[in-house]
Amino acid sequence: MTVSQDFRAAGSPGPHQGISGRHVLYRPGAAIDPFNGPFTPGHPGTLATFRMAFSHPSGYGSNSVAWNPTVKVHVPEAGVADVYRGVVTHSVA
């Protein structure tokens, strides 16, 4: 599962210094070096809610997969120029 917290500006907090997950587009990309697959990539979309990076439909034992996702952050029109920081979290469910 993949999710993002709000991206926050490094400067002093203000009403237009946050970018929510609905402005963050995530694409998992292709599986790289999968072990004991198959692995199915999730659908691209915003990180306003949990998003599946990959699924493993069956199997048991050790398995692994790597990927090189694309993350695009759209700065809203009301956003201010600053350095933004955020965290995109991947977890296994």
C-alpha atoms as a PDB file:
ATOM      1  CA  MET A   1       0.000   0.000   0.000  1.00  0.00           C
ATOM      2  CA  THR A   2       1.186   3.502  -0.804  1.00  0.00           C
ATOM      3  CA  VAL A   3      -0.002   6.738   0.760  1.00  0.00           C
ATOM      4  CA  SER A   4       1.303  10.285   1.153  1.00  0.00           C
ATOM      5  CA  GLN A   5       1.083  12.781   3.964  1.00  0.00           C
ATOM      6  CA  ASP A   6       0.646  16.426   3.034  1.00  0.00           C
ATOM      7  CA  PHE A   7       3.727  18.082   1.574  1.00  0.00           C
ATOM      8  CA  ARG A   8       4.547  21.070   3.773  1.00  0.00           C
ATOM      9  CA  ALA A   9       6.537  24.200   2.974  1.00  0.00           C
ATOM     10  CA  ALA A  10       9.789  24.642   4.882  1.00  0.00           C
ATOM     11  CA  GLY A  11       8.995  28.322   5.637  1.00  0.00           C
ATOM     12  CA  SER A  12       6.570  29.539   8.261  1.00  0.00           C
ATOM     13  CA  PRO A  13       3.220  27.725   8.061  1.00  0.00           C
ATOM     14  CA  GLY A  14       0.387  29.464   6.293  1.00  0.00           C
ATOM     15  CA  PRO A  15      -2.916  28.569   4.639  1.00  0.00           C
ATOM     16  CA  HIS A  16      -1.324  28.035   1.196  1.00  0.00           C
ATOM     17  CA  GLN A  17       1.843  26.234   2.273  1.00  0.00           C
ATOM     18  CA  GLY A  18       0.570  22.669   2.107  1.00  0.00           C
ATOM     19  CA  ILE A  19       0.029  20.312  -0.817  1.00  0.00           C
ATOM     20  CA  SER A  20      -2.418  17.494  -0.110  1.00  0.00           C
ATOM     21  CA  GLY A  21      -2.162  13.947  -1.408  1.00  0.00           C
ATOM     22  CA  ARG A  22      -4.887  14.718  -3.962  1.00  0.00           C
ATOM     23  CA  HIS A  23      -2.266  16.785  -5.796  1.00  0.00           C
ATOM     24  CA  VAL A  24       0.285  13.942  -5.804  1.00  0.00           C
ATOM     25  CA  LEU A  25       0.085  11.507  -8.743  1.00  0.00           C
ATOM     26  CA  TYR A  26       1.675   8.084  -8.238  1.00  0.00           C
ATOM     27  CA  ARG A  27       2.501   5.515 -10.956  1.00  0.00           C
ATOM     28  CA  PRO A  28       4.159   2.318  -9.748  1.00  0.00           C
ATOM     29  CA  GLY A  29       5.886   1.512 -13.043  1.00  0.00           C
ATOM     30  CA  ALA A  30       7.054  -1.950 -14.033  1.00  0.00           C
ATOM     31  CA  ALA A  31       8.348  -4.695 -11.748  1.00  0.00           C
ATOM     32  CA  ILE A  32      12.143  -4.829 -11.596  1.00  0.00           C
ATOM     33  CA  ASP A  33      13.882  -8.109 -10.804  1.00  0.00           C
ATOM     34  CA  PRO A  34      10.816  -9.906  -9.376  1.00  0.00           C
ATOM     35  CA  PHE A  35      11.462 -13.056  -7.356  1.00  0.00           C
ATOM     36  CA  ASN A  36       8.744 -15.719  -6.984  1.00  0.00           C
ATOM     37  CA  GLY A  37       6.157 -13.638  -8.931  1.00  0.00           C
ATOM     38  CA  PRO A  38       4.055 -12.760 -10.738  1.00  0.00           C
ATOM     39  CA  PHE A  39       3.517  -9.245  -9.410  1.00  0.00           C
ATOM     40  CA  THR A  40       0.759  -7.025 -10.779  1.00  0.00           C
ATOM     41  CA  PRO A  41       1.236  -3.230 -10.690  1.00  0.00           C
ATOM     42  CA  GLY A  42      -1.536  -1.152  -9.157  1.00  0.00           C
ATOM     43  CA  HIS A  43      -3.447   1.534 -11.008  1.00  0.00           C
ATOM     44  CA  PRO A  44      -1.953   5.029 -11.158  1.00  0.00           C
ATOM     45  CA  GLY A  45      -3.767   7.816  -9.353  1.00  0.00           C
ATOM     46  CA  THR A  46      -3.559  10.380  -6.603  1.00  0.00           C
ATOM     47  CA  LEU A  47      -2.306   9.661  -3.116  1.00  0.00           C
ATOM     48  CA  ALA A  48      -5.355  11.234  -1.494  1.00  0.00           C
ATOM     49  CA  THR A  49      -6.039   7.729  -0.186  1.00  0.00           C
ATOM     50  CA  PHE A  50      -4.204   4.410  -0.068  1.00  0.00           C
ATOM     51  CA  ARG A  51      -3.039   3.141  -3.455  1.00  0.00           C
ATOM     52  CA  MET A  52      -1.828  -0.349  -4.318  1.00  0.00           C
ATOM     53  CA  ALA A  53       1.763  -0.307  -5.626  1.00  0.00           C
ATOM     54  CA  PHE A  54       1.871  -4.035  -6.471  1.00  0.00           C
ATOM     55  CA  SER A  55      -0.097  -7.146  -5.670  1.00  0.00           C
ATOM     56  CA  HIS A  56       1.019 -10.745  -5.529  1.00  0.00           C
ATOM     57  CA  PRO A  57      -2.039 -12.901  -6.301  1.00  0.00           C
ATOM     58  CA  SER A  58      -0.762 -16.244  -5.026  1.00  0.00           C
ATOM     59  CA  GLY A  59       2.231 -18.144  -3.776  1.00  0.00           C
ATOM     60  CA  TYR A  60       4.042 -18.642  -0.532  1.00  0.00           C
ATOM     61  CA  GLY A  61       7.521 -18.457   0.853  1.00  0.00           C
ATOM     62  CA  SER A  62      10.064 -15.775   0.096  1.00  0.00           C
ATOM     63  CA  ASN A  63       9.297 -13.244  -2.624  1.00  0.00           C
ATOM     64  CA  SER A  64      10.399  -9.756  -3.541  1.00  0.00           C
ATOM     65  CA  VAL A  65       9.984  -7.074  -6.143  1.00  0.00           C
ATOM     66  CA  ALA A  66      11.560  -3.688  -6.797  1.00  0.00           C
ATOM     67  CA  TRP A  67      10.134  -0.840  -8.826  1.00  0.00           C
ATOM     68  CA  ASN A  68      10.921   2.696  -9.887  1.00  0.00           C
ATOM     69  CA  PRO A  69       7.730   4.714  -9.352  1.00  0.00           C
ATOM     70  CA  THR A  70       6.924   8.104 -10.815  1.00  0.00           C
ATOM     71  CA  VAL A  71       5.672  10.707  -8.348  1.00  0.00           C
ATOM     72  CA  LYS A  72       4.389  14.014  -9.705  1.00  0.00           C
ATOM     73  CA  VAL A  73       3.415  16.843  -7.374  1.00  0.00           C
ATOM     74  CA  HIS A  74       1.107  19.547  -8.715  1.00  0.00           C
ATOM     75  CA  VAL A  75       1.540  22.839  -6.881  1.00  0.00           C
ATOM     76  CA  PRO A  76      -1.904  24.486  -6.629  1.00  0.00           C
ATOM     77  CA  GLU A  77      -2.340  27.977  -8.072  1.00  0.00           C
ATOM     78  CA  ALA A  78      -2.607  29.457  -4.578  1.00  0.00           C
ATOM     79  CA  GLY A  79       0.653  27.739  -3.545  1.00  0.00           C
ATOM     80  CA  VAL A  80       3.660  29.796  -2.550  1.00  0.00           C
ATOM     81  CA  ALA A  81       7.247  29.455  -3.748  1.00  0.00           C
ATOM     82  CA  ASP A  82       9.151  27.470  -1.149  1.00  0.00           C
ATOM     83  CA  VAL A  83      10.863  24.146  -0.520  1.00  0.00           C
ATOM     84  CA  TYR A  84       8.225  21.474   0.152  1.00  0.00           C
ATOM     85  CA  ARG A  85       8.832  18.223   1.995  1.00  0.00           C
ATOM     86  CA  GLY A  86       6.597  15.197   2.311  1.00  0.00           C
ATOM     87  CA  VAL A  87       6.691  11.472   2.918  1.00  0.00           C
ATOM     88  CA  VAL A  88       5.382   8.748   0.635  1.00  0.00           C
ATOM     89  CA  THR A  89       4.989   5.529   2.639  1.00  0.00           C
ATOM     90  CA  HIS A  90       4.997   1.993   1.222  1.00  0.00           C
ATOM     91  CA  SER A  91       3.802  -0.858   3.410  1.00  0.00           C
ATOM     92  CA  VAL A  92       3.099  -4.549   2.971  1.00  0.00           C
ATOM     93  CA  ALA A  93      -0.423  -5.694   3.726  1.00  0.00           C
END
